[in-house]
Amino acid sequence: AYTVYRLSDDSYVGRFRIAAGSTIGATEETDGIDFIPGDFGPAYPGGLFVAQDGYNPPKAQNFKFVAWADIKAALGIQ
């Protein structure tokens, strides 16, 4: 699970997981994440969260891309 804190005062906002779904698989053995604000097209208009996934058999590791809007919705924030 990933924990989100508010930058202005380091207050706890919530936690979320990248779970297996119709377009991406779950993340396991993550050793790197990043968030990039901005407009990355129709799928990621409010920013992009990227998580490295070290477990992806039978293939090599990969990266999961999640729209920041989806994370905000899951956490119930505006």
C-alpha atoms as a PDB file:
ATOM      1  CA  ALA A   1       0.000   0.000   0.000  1.00  0.00           C
ATOM      2  CA  TYR A   2       1.080   3.573  -0.626  1.00  0.00           C
ATOM      3  CA  THR A   3       0.634   6.327   1.966  1.00  0.00           C
ATOM      4  CA  VAL A   4      -0.213   9.903   0.990  1.00  0.00           C
ATOM      5  CA  TYR A   5       0.735  12.921   3.120  1.00  0.00           C
ATOM      6  CA  ARG A   6      -0.144  16.580   2.567  1.00  0.00           C
ATOM      7  CA  LEU A   7       3.028  18.539   1.712  1.00  0.00           C
ATOM      8  CA  SER A   8       1.932  21.777   3.398  1.00  0.00           C
ATOM      9  CA  ASP A   9       1.869  20.296   6.918  1.00  0.00           C
ATOM     10  CA  ASP A  10       2.887  16.613   6.571  1.00  0.00           C
ATOM     11  CA  SER A  11      -0.582  15.515   7.682  1.00  0.00           C
ATOM     12  CA  TYR A  12      -1.773  12.021   6.851  1.00  0.00           C
ATOM     13  CA  VAL A  13      -4.269  11.871   3.955  1.00  0.00           C
ATOM     14  CA  GLY A  14      -4.750   8.134   3.440  1.00  0.00           C
ATOM     15  CA  ARG A  15      -3.494   4.904   1.881  1.00  0.00           C
ATOM     16  CA  PHE A  16      -4.201   3.187  -1.414  1.00  0.00           C
ATOM     17  CA  ARG A  17      -3.165   0.061  -3.293  1.00  0.00           C
ATOM     18  CA  ILE A  18      -2.660  -0.623  -6.950  1.00  0.00           C
ATOM     19  CA  ALA A  19      -4.807  -3.724  -7.309  1.00  0.00           C
ATOM     20  CA  ALA A  20      -5.217  -5.988 -10.298  1.00  0.00           C
ATOM     21  CA  GLY A  21      -7.879  -4.668 -12.633  1.00  0.00           C
ATOM     22  CA  SER A  22      -9.023  -4.772 -16.196  1.00  0.00           C
ATOM     23  CA  THR A  23      -6.113  -2.710 -17.541  1.00  0.00           C
ATOM     24  CA  ILE A  24      -3.209  -3.242 -15.118  1.00  0.00           C
ATOM     25  CA  GLY A  25      -2.041  -5.817 -12.628  1.00  0.00           C
ATOM     26  CA  ALA A  26      -1.276  -5.259  -8.957  1.00  0.00           C
ATOM     27  CA  THR A  27       2.105  -4.045  -7.743  1.00  0.00           C
ATOM     28  CA  GLU A  28       4.414  -6.197  -5.647  1.00  0.00           C
ATOM     29  CA  GLU A  29       8.024  -5.698  -4.575  1.00  0.00           C
ATOM     30  CA  THR A  30       7.930  -1.987  -5.439  1.00  0.00           C
ATOM     31  CA  ASP A  31      11.249  -0.221  -5.022  1.00  0.00           C
ATOM     32  CA  GLY A  32      10.422   3.027  -6.782  1.00  0.00           C
ATOM     33  CA  ILE A  33       7.513   5.436  -7.165  1.00  0.00           C
ATOM     34  CA  ASP A  34       7.045   8.927  -8.564  1.00  0.00           C
ATOM     35  CA  PHE A  35       4.260  11.430  -9.087  1.00  0.00           C
ATOM     36  CA  ILE A  36       4.369  13.938 -11.934  1.00  0.00           C
ATOM     37  CA  PRO A  37       1.751  16.723 -11.983  1.00  0.00           C
ATOM     38  CA  GLY A  38       0.510  17.970 -15.327  1.00  0.00           C
ATOM     39  CA  ASP A  39      -1.610  16.971 -18.272  1.00  0.00           C
ATOM     40  CA  PHE A  40      -0.552  13.688 -19.870  1.00  0.00           C
ATOM     41  CA  GLY A  41      -3.472  13.308 -22.237  1.00  0.00           C
ATOM     42  CA  PRO A  42      -6.987  11.950 -21.790  1.00  0.00           C
ATOM     43  CA  ALA A  43      -5.984   9.060 -19.521  1.00  0.00           C
ATOM     44  CA  TYR A  44      -3.905  11.201 -17.137  1.00  0.00           C
ATOM     45  CA  PRO A  45      -5.175  14.804 -17.289  1.00  0.00           C
ATOM     46  CA  GLY A  46      -4.425  15.708 -13.655  1.00  0.00           C
ATOM     47  CA  GLY A  47      -1.083  14.019 -13.218  1.00  0.00           C
ATOM     48  CA  LEU A  48       0.572  10.633 -13.350  1.00  0.00           C
ATOM     49  CA  PHE A  49       1.603   8.255 -10.553  1.00  0.00           C
ATOM     50  CA  VAL A  50       4.206   5.652 -11.591  1.00  0.00           C
ATOM     51  CA  ALA A  51       5.150   2.578  -9.550  1.00  0.00           C
ATOM     52  CA  GLN A  52       7.851   0.069 -10.411  1.00  0.00           C
ATOM     53  CA  ASP A  53       6.607  -3.511 -10.085  1.00  0.00           C
ATOM     54  CA  GLY A  54       9.358  -6.050  -9.485  1.00  0.00           C
ATOM     55  CA  TYR A  55       7.096  -9.083  -9.813  1.00  0.00           C
ATOM     56  CA  ASN A  56       5.507  -9.807 -13.194  1.00  0.00           C
ATOM     57  CA  PRO A  57       5.923 -13.489 -14.094  1.00  0.00           C
ATOM     58  CA  PRO A  58       6.558 -14.902 -16.556  1.00  0.00           C
ATOM     59  CA  LYS A  59       7.902 -11.601 -17.893  1.00  0.00           C
ATOM     60  CA  ALA A  60      10.376  -9.088 -16.486  1.00  0.00           C
ATOM     61  CA  GLN A  61       9.513  -6.312 -14.062  1.00  0.00           C
ATOM     62  CA  ASN A  62       7.384  -3.463 -15.361  1.00  0.00           C
ATOM     63  CA  PHE A  63       5.823  -0.148 -14.390  1.00  0.00           C
ATOM     64  CA  LYS A  64       2.235   0.666 -13.452  1.00  0.00           C
ATOM     65  CA  PHE A  65       0.755   4.031 -14.478  1.00  0.00           C
ATOM     66  CA  VAL A  66      -2.193   5.385 -12.473  1.00  0.00           C
ATOM     67  CA  ALA A  67      -4.116   8.609 -13.011  1.00  0.00           C
ATOM     68  CA  TRP A  68      -3.769  10.994 -10.072  1.00  0.00           C
ATOM     69  CA  ALA A  69      -7.520  11.687 -10.380  1.00  0.00           C
ATOM     70  CA  ASP A  70      -8.218   7.999  -9.649  1.00  0.00           C
ATOM     71  CA  ILE A  71      -6.036   8.104  -6.535  1.00  0.00           C
ATOM     72  CA  LYS A  72      -7.723  11.277  -5.315  1.00  0.00           C
ATOM     73  CA  ALA A  73     -11.136   9.694  -5.859  1.00  0.00           C
ATOM     74  CA  ALA A  74     -10.100   6.579  -3.924  1.00  0.00           C
ATOM     75  CA  LEU A  75      -8.901   8.754  -1.037  1.00  0.00           C
ATOM     76  CA  GLY A  76     -11.986  10.984  -1.143  1.00  0.00           C
ATOM     77  CA  ILE A  77     -10.036  14.212  -1.718  1.00  0.00           C
ATOM     78  CA  GLN A  78     -10.684  17.058  -4.167  1.00  0.00           C
END
